[in-house]
N, C-alpha and C. Protein backbone atom coordinates (compact mmCIF):
# COMPACT_ATOMS: atom_id res chain seq x y z
N MET A 1 21.37 18.49 -21.79
CA MET A 1 20.98 18.76 -20.42
C MET A 1 19.47 18.88 -20.34
N ALA A 2 18.90 18.28 -19.32
CA ALA A 2 17.45 18.28 -19.16
C ALA A 2 16.95 19.66 -18.72
N LYS A 3 15.78 19.99 -19.19
CA LYS A 3 15.17 21.26 -18.81
C LYS A 3 14.57 21.11 -17.41
N VAL A 4 14.75 22.13 -16.60
CA VAL A 4 14.24 22.10 -15.23
C VAL A 4 13.42 23.34 -14.96
N ILE A 5 12.58 23.23 -13.96
CA ILE A 5 11.79 24.36 -13.50
C ILE A 5 12.09 24.54 -12.02
N THR A 6 12.21 25.77 -11.58
CA THR A 6 12.50 26.06 -10.18
C THR A 6 11.19 26.31 -9.45
N LEU A 7 10.97 25.54 -8.38
CA LEU A 7 9.75 25.65 -7.59
C LEU A 7 10.11 26.01 -6.16
N THR A 8 9.11 26.44 -5.40
CA THR A 8 9.30 26.77 -3.99
C THR A 8 8.46 25.83 -3.14
N CYS A 9 9.09 25.25 -2.14
CA CYS A 9 8.39 24.34 -1.24
C CYS A 9 7.46 25.15 -0.33
N PRO A 10 6.19 24.76 -0.20
CA PRO A 10 5.27 25.52 0.64
C PRO A 10 5.52 25.35 2.14
N VAL A 11 6.27 24.33 2.53
CA VAL A 11 6.51 24.08 3.95
C VAL A 11 7.75 24.81 4.45
N CYS A 12 8.90 24.52 3.81
CA CYS A 12 10.16 25.11 4.29
C CYS A 12 10.58 26.34 3.49
N LYS A 13 9.87 26.67 2.45
CA LYS A 13 10.10 27.86 1.63
C LYS A 13 11.44 27.84 0.89
N CYS A 14 12.03 26.67 0.72
CA CYS A 14 13.28 26.61 -0.03
C CYS A 14 12.97 26.40 -1.52
N LYS A 15 13.89 26.80 -2.35
CA LYS A 15 13.73 26.63 -3.79
C LYS A 15 14.40 25.32 -4.20
N PHE A 16 13.74 24.59 -5.10
CA PHE A 16 14.30 23.33 -5.58
C PHE A 16 13.96 23.18 -7.05
N ASP A 17 14.75 22.36 -7.74
CA ASP A 17 14.57 22.13 -9.17
C ASP A 17 13.80 20.83 -9.40
N LYS A 18 12.96 20.87 -10.41
CA LYS A 18 12.18 19.70 -10.81
C LYS A 18 12.30 19.59 -12.32
N ALA A 19 12.46 18.38 -12.82
CA ALA A 19 12.52 18.19 -14.27
C ALA A 19 11.21 18.68 -14.90
N LEU A 20 11.32 19.40 -15.98
CA LEU A 20 10.14 19.99 -16.62
C LEU A 20 9.19 18.91 -17.11
N LYS A 21 9.73 17.79 -17.59
CA LYS A 21 8.86 16.70 -18.05
C LYS A 21 8.05 16.13 -16.88
N GLU A 22 8.69 15.97 -15.73
CA GLU A 22 8.00 15.45 -14.54
C GLU A 22 6.97 16.44 -14.04
N TYR A 23 7.31 17.71 -14.05
CA TYR A 23 6.37 18.75 -13.65
C TYR A 23 5.12 18.72 -14.52
N ASN A 24 5.32 18.67 -15.83
CA ASN A 24 4.18 18.65 -16.74
C ASN A 24 3.34 17.38 -16.58
N ARG A 25 3.98 16.25 -16.32
CA ARG A 25 3.27 15.00 -16.14
C ARG A 25 2.40 15.06 -14.88
N GLN A 26 2.95 15.59 -13.79
CA GLN A 26 2.19 15.68 -12.55
C GLN A 26 1.01 16.64 -12.69
N ILE A 27 1.22 17.75 -13.37
CA ILE A 27 0.14 18.71 -13.58
C ILE A 27 -0.95 18.10 -14.45
N LYS A 28 -0.55 17.35 -15.46
CA LYS A 28 -1.51 16.71 -16.35
C LYS A 28 -2.33 15.65 -15.59
N ASN A 29 -1.67 14.84 -14.75
CA ASN A 29 -2.36 13.76 -14.05
C ASN A 29 -3.16 14.23 -12.85
N LYS A 30 -2.65 15.20 -12.11
CA LYS A 30 -3.26 15.57 -10.84
C LYS A 30 -3.91 16.93 -10.81
N GLY A 31 -3.79 17.68 -11.88
CA GLY A 31 -4.48 18.96 -11.95
C GLY A 31 -3.57 20.15 -11.69
N GLU A 32 -4.06 21.31 -12.03
CA GLU A 32 -3.29 22.55 -11.92
C GLU A 32 -2.97 22.91 -10.47
N ASP A 33 -3.79 22.49 -9.52
CA ASP A 33 -3.60 22.89 -8.13
C ASP A 33 -2.73 21.90 -7.34
N TYR A 34 -1.99 21.03 -8.03
CA TYR A 34 -1.12 20.07 -7.36
C TYR A 34 0.03 20.81 -6.67
N ILE A 35 0.34 20.41 -5.44
CA ILE A 35 1.38 21.08 -4.66
C ILE A 35 2.66 20.23 -4.70
N PHE A 36 3.76 20.84 -5.04
CA PHE A 36 5.06 20.17 -5.10
C PHE A 36 5.84 20.47 -3.83
N TYR A 37 6.50 19.44 -3.30
CA TYR A 37 7.32 19.58 -2.10
C TYR A 37 8.76 19.24 -2.45
N CYS A 38 9.70 19.76 -1.66
CA CYS A 38 11.12 19.54 -1.95
C CYS A 38 11.58 18.16 -1.48
N SER A 39 10.92 17.57 -0.49
CA SER A 39 11.34 16.27 0.04
C SER A 39 10.14 15.55 0.64
N LEU A 40 10.35 14.28 0.98
CA LEU A 40 9.28 13.50 1.62
C LEU A 40 8.97 14.01 3.02
N SER A 41 9.98 14.52 3.72
CA SER A 41 9.71 15.03 5.06
C SER A 41 8.83 16.28 5.01
N CYS A 42 9.04 17.12 4.01
CA CYS A 42 8.17 18.30 3.86
C CYS A 42 6.77 17.88 3.42
N TYR A 43 6.68 16.85 2.60
CA TYR A 43 5.38 16.35 2.20
C TYR A 43 4.61 15.84 3.41
N GLY A 44 5.32 15.17 4.32
CA GLY A 44 4.69 14.66 5.54
C GLY A 44 4.20 15.77 6.44
N LYS A 45 4.90 16.90 6.44
CA LYS A 45 4.49 18.03 7.26
C LYS A 45 3.40 18.87 6.58
N GLY A 46 3.27 18.72 5.26
CA GLY A 46 2.34 19.53 4.50
C GLY A 46 0.89 19.16 4.74
N SER A 47 0.02 20.04 4.41
CA SER A 47 -1.40 19.84 4.67
C SER A 47 -2.03 18.81 3.74
N ALA A 48 -1.48 18.62 2.55
CA ALA A 48 -2.06 17.66 1.61
C ALA A 48 -2.02 16.25 2.19
N TYR A 49 -0.91 15.89 2.82
CA TYR A 49 -0.77 14.56 3.42
C TYR A 49 -1.79 14.38 4.54
N LYS A 50 -1.95 15.38 5.37
CA LYS A 50 -2.87 15.28 6.49
C LYS A 50 -4.32 15.18 6.02
N GLN A 51 -4.65 15.84 4.92
CA GLN A 51 -6.00 15.75 4.38
C GLN A 51 -6.27 14.36 3.83
N ILE A 52 -5.29 13.76 3.16
CA ILE A 52 -5.47 12.43 2.57
C ILE A 52 -5.57 11.38 3.68
N VAL A 53 -4.67 11.42 4.64
CA VAL A 53 -4.65 10.41 5.70
C VAL A 53 -5.77 10.66 6.70
N GLY A 54 -6.17 11.88 6.86
CA GLY A 54 -7.21 12.22 7.83
C GLY A 54 -8.51 11.47 7.60
N LYS A 55 -8.84 11.17 6.36
CA LYS A 55 -10.07 10.44 6.05
C LYS A 55 -10.02 9.02 6.58
N TYR A 56 -8.83 8.44 6.62
CA TYR A 56 -8.68 7.02 6.93
C TYR A 56 -8.05 6.76 8.29
N ILE A 57 -7.82 7.78 9.09
CA ILE A 57 -7.09 7.62 10.34
C ILE A 57 -7.81 6.69 11.31
N ASN A 58 -9.13 6.67 11.27
CA ASN A 58 -9.88 5.81 12.18
C ASN A 58 -9.76 4.34 11.81
N ASN A 59 -9.41 4.03 10.58
CA ASN A 59 -9.31 2.65 10.15
C ASN A 59 -7.91 2.07 10.34
N LEU A 60 -6.93 2.88 10.68
CA LEU A 60 -5.56 2.40 10.72
C LEU A 60 -5.28 1.45 11.88
N ASN A 61 -5.89 1.64 13.02
CA ASN A 61 -5.56 0.85 14.19
C ASN A 61 -6.62 -0.21 14.52
N LYS A 62 -7.50 -0.51 13.63
CA LYS A 62 -8.56 -1.45 13.93
C LYS A 62 -8.03 -2.83 14.29
N GLY A 63 -6.98 -3.28 13.64
CA GLY A 63 -6.45 -4.60 13.92
C GLY A 63 -5.91 -4.73 15.34
N TYR A 64 -5.31 -3.68 15.84
CA TYR A 64 -4.75 -3.73 17.18
C TYR A 64 -5.81 -3.54 18.25
N ASN A 65 -6.89 -2.87 17.94
CA ASN A 65 -7.95 -2.66 18.92
C ASN A 65 -8.74 -3.93 19.18
N ASN A 66 -8.75 -4.86 18.23
CA ASN A 66 -9.53 -6.08 18.37
C ASN A 66 -8.67 -7.24 18.85
N SER A 67 -7.59 -6.98 19.56
CA SER A 67 -6.70 -8.04 19.98
C SER A 67 -7.23 -8.71 21.25
N ASP A 68 -6.85 -9.95 21.43
CA ASP A 68 -7.21 -10.69 22.63
C ASP A 68 -5.95 -11.32 23.21
N LYS A 69 -6.09 -12.20 24.18
CA LYS A 69 -4.93 -12.76 24.85
C LYS A 69 -4.14 -13.71 23.95
N PHE A 70 -4.75 -14.19 22.87
CA PHE A 70 -4.08 -15.12 21.97
C PHE A 70 -3.44 -14.43 20.76
N SER A 71 -3.62 -13.14 20.61
CA SER A 71 -3.17 -12.44 19.41
C SER A 71 -1.68 -12.56 19.17
N LEU A 72 -0.90 -12.57 20.23
CA LEU A 72 0.55 -12.66 20.07
C LEU A 72 1.00 -14.00 19.53
N PHE A 73 0.17 -15.02 19.65
CA PHE A 73 0.57 -16.38 19.29
C PHE A 73 0.01 -16.84 17.95
N ARG A 74 -0.86 -16.05 17.34
CA ARG A 74 -1.47 -16.46 16.07
C ARG A 74 -0.44 -16.60 14.96
N ASN A 75 0.54 -15.72 14.93
CA ASN A 75 1.57 -15.79 13.91
C ASN A 75 2.42 -17.06 14.08
N HIS A 76 2.74 -17.42 15.32
CA HIS A 76 3.52 -18.63 15.57
C HIS A 76 2.75 -19.88 15.14
N LEU A 77 1.47 -19.91 15.43
CA LEU A 77 0.65 -21.06 15.03
C LEU A 77 0.56 -21.15 13.50
N LYS A 78 0.48 -20.01 12.86
CA LYS A 78 0.44 -19.99 11.40
C LYS A 78 1.73 -20.56 10.81
N LYS A 79 2.88 -20.23 11.42
CA LYS A 79 4.16 -20.77 10.93
C LYS A 79 4.25 -22.27 11.15
N VAL A 80 3.73 -22.75 12.28
CA VAL A 80 3.73 -24.19 12.54
C VAL A 80 2.91 -24.91 11.48
N ARG A 81 1.75 -24.38 11.19
CA ARG A 81 0.89 -25.00 10.16
C ARG A 81 1.57 -25.04 8.80
N SER A 82 2.19 -23.91 8.41
CA SER A 82 2.80 -23.85 7.08
C SER A 82 4.01 -24.77 6.99
N ARG A 83 4.79 -24.90 8.07
CA ARG A 83 5.95 -25.80 8.03
C ARG A 83 5.51 -27.26 7.98
N CYS A 84 4.46 -27.58 8.70
CA CYS A 84 3.96 -28.96 8.67
C CYS A 84 3.40 -29.29 7.29
N LYS A 85 2.74 -28.33 6.70
CA LYS A 85 2.18 -28.54 5.37
C LYS A 85 3.30 -28.68 4.33
N ALA A 86 4.36 -27.89 4.47
CA ALA A 86 5.46 -27.92 3.51
C ALA A 86 6.24 -29.23 3.59
N SER A 87 6.34 -29.78 4.79
CA SER A 87 7.11 -31.02 4.94
C SER A 87 6.22 -32.26 4.92
N ASN A 88 4.97 -32.08 4.57
CA ASN A 88 3.98 -33.16 4.47
C ASN A 88 3.76 -33.89 5.79
N LYS A 89 4.03 -33.24 6.89
CA LYS A 89 3.70 -33.78 8.21
C LYS A 89 2.49 -33.02 8.72
N LEU A 90 1.35 -33.58 8.57
CA LEU A 90 0.12 -32.89 8.90
C LEU A 90 -0.28 -33.08 10.36
N ASN A 91 0.50 -33.83 11.13
CA ASN A 91 0.15 -34.07 12.52
C ASN A 91 0.89 -33.09 13.43
N TYR A 92 0.14 -32.24 14.07
CA TYR A 92 0.70 -31.36 15.08
C TYR A 92 -0.37 -31.16 16.15
N ASP A 93 0.03 -31.05 17.37
CA ASP A 93 -0.93 -30.94 18.46
C ASP A 93 -0.77 -29.63 19.23
N ILE A 94 -0.47 -28.58 18.51
CA ILE A 94 -0.31 -27.25 19.12
C ILE A 94 -1.56 -26.44 18.81
N ASP A 95 -2.06 -25.76 19.82
CA ASP A 95 -3.15 -24.82 19.62
C ASP A 95 -2.84 -23.53 20.38
N LEU A 96 -3.69 -22.55 20.26
CA LEU A 96 -3.43 -21.25 20.87
C LEU A 96 -3.37 -21.33 22.39
N GLN A 97 -4.23 -22.12 22.97
CA GLN A 97 -4.23 -22.25 24.41
C GLN A 97 -2.91 -22.85 24.91
N TYR A 98 -2.39 -23.83 24.21
CA TYR A 98 -1.11 -24.47 24.58
C TYR A 98 0.03 -23.43 24.52
N LEU A 99 0.06 -22.64 23.46
CA LEU A 99 1.09 -21.61 23.34
C LEU A 99 0.95 -20.55 24.42
N TYR A 100 -0.28 -20.21 24.75
CA TYR A 100 -0.53 -19.21 25.79
C TYR A 100 -0.06 -19.71 27.15
N ASP A 101 -0.27 -20.99 27.42
CA ASP A 101 0.12 -21.57 28.72
C ASP A 101 1.62 -21.70 28.86
N LEU A 102 2.35 -21.78 27.75
CA LEU A 102 3.81 -21.86 27.85
C LEU A 102 4.33 -20.60 28.46
């Protein structure tokens, strides 16, 4: 039987078991102050997640902020190009404006 250590989740305050080998590995890799959570949902509610994501939150939506009227059709045009290339038919007369006008 594997050795386990009983820990307490800092979010929901429930006790949970962690394999001792995994506990020691995490402490060795991430330091003595590493916080263990009982589940992914508690990790998401915990402050460690918010601190990590907080640095990058401004970069998450950049792709959607720079959209234009043709953004919805770029993926379709990309598929047309790849299918024509795969079937060795390089002639297609579709562009973004044509898709937008449809």
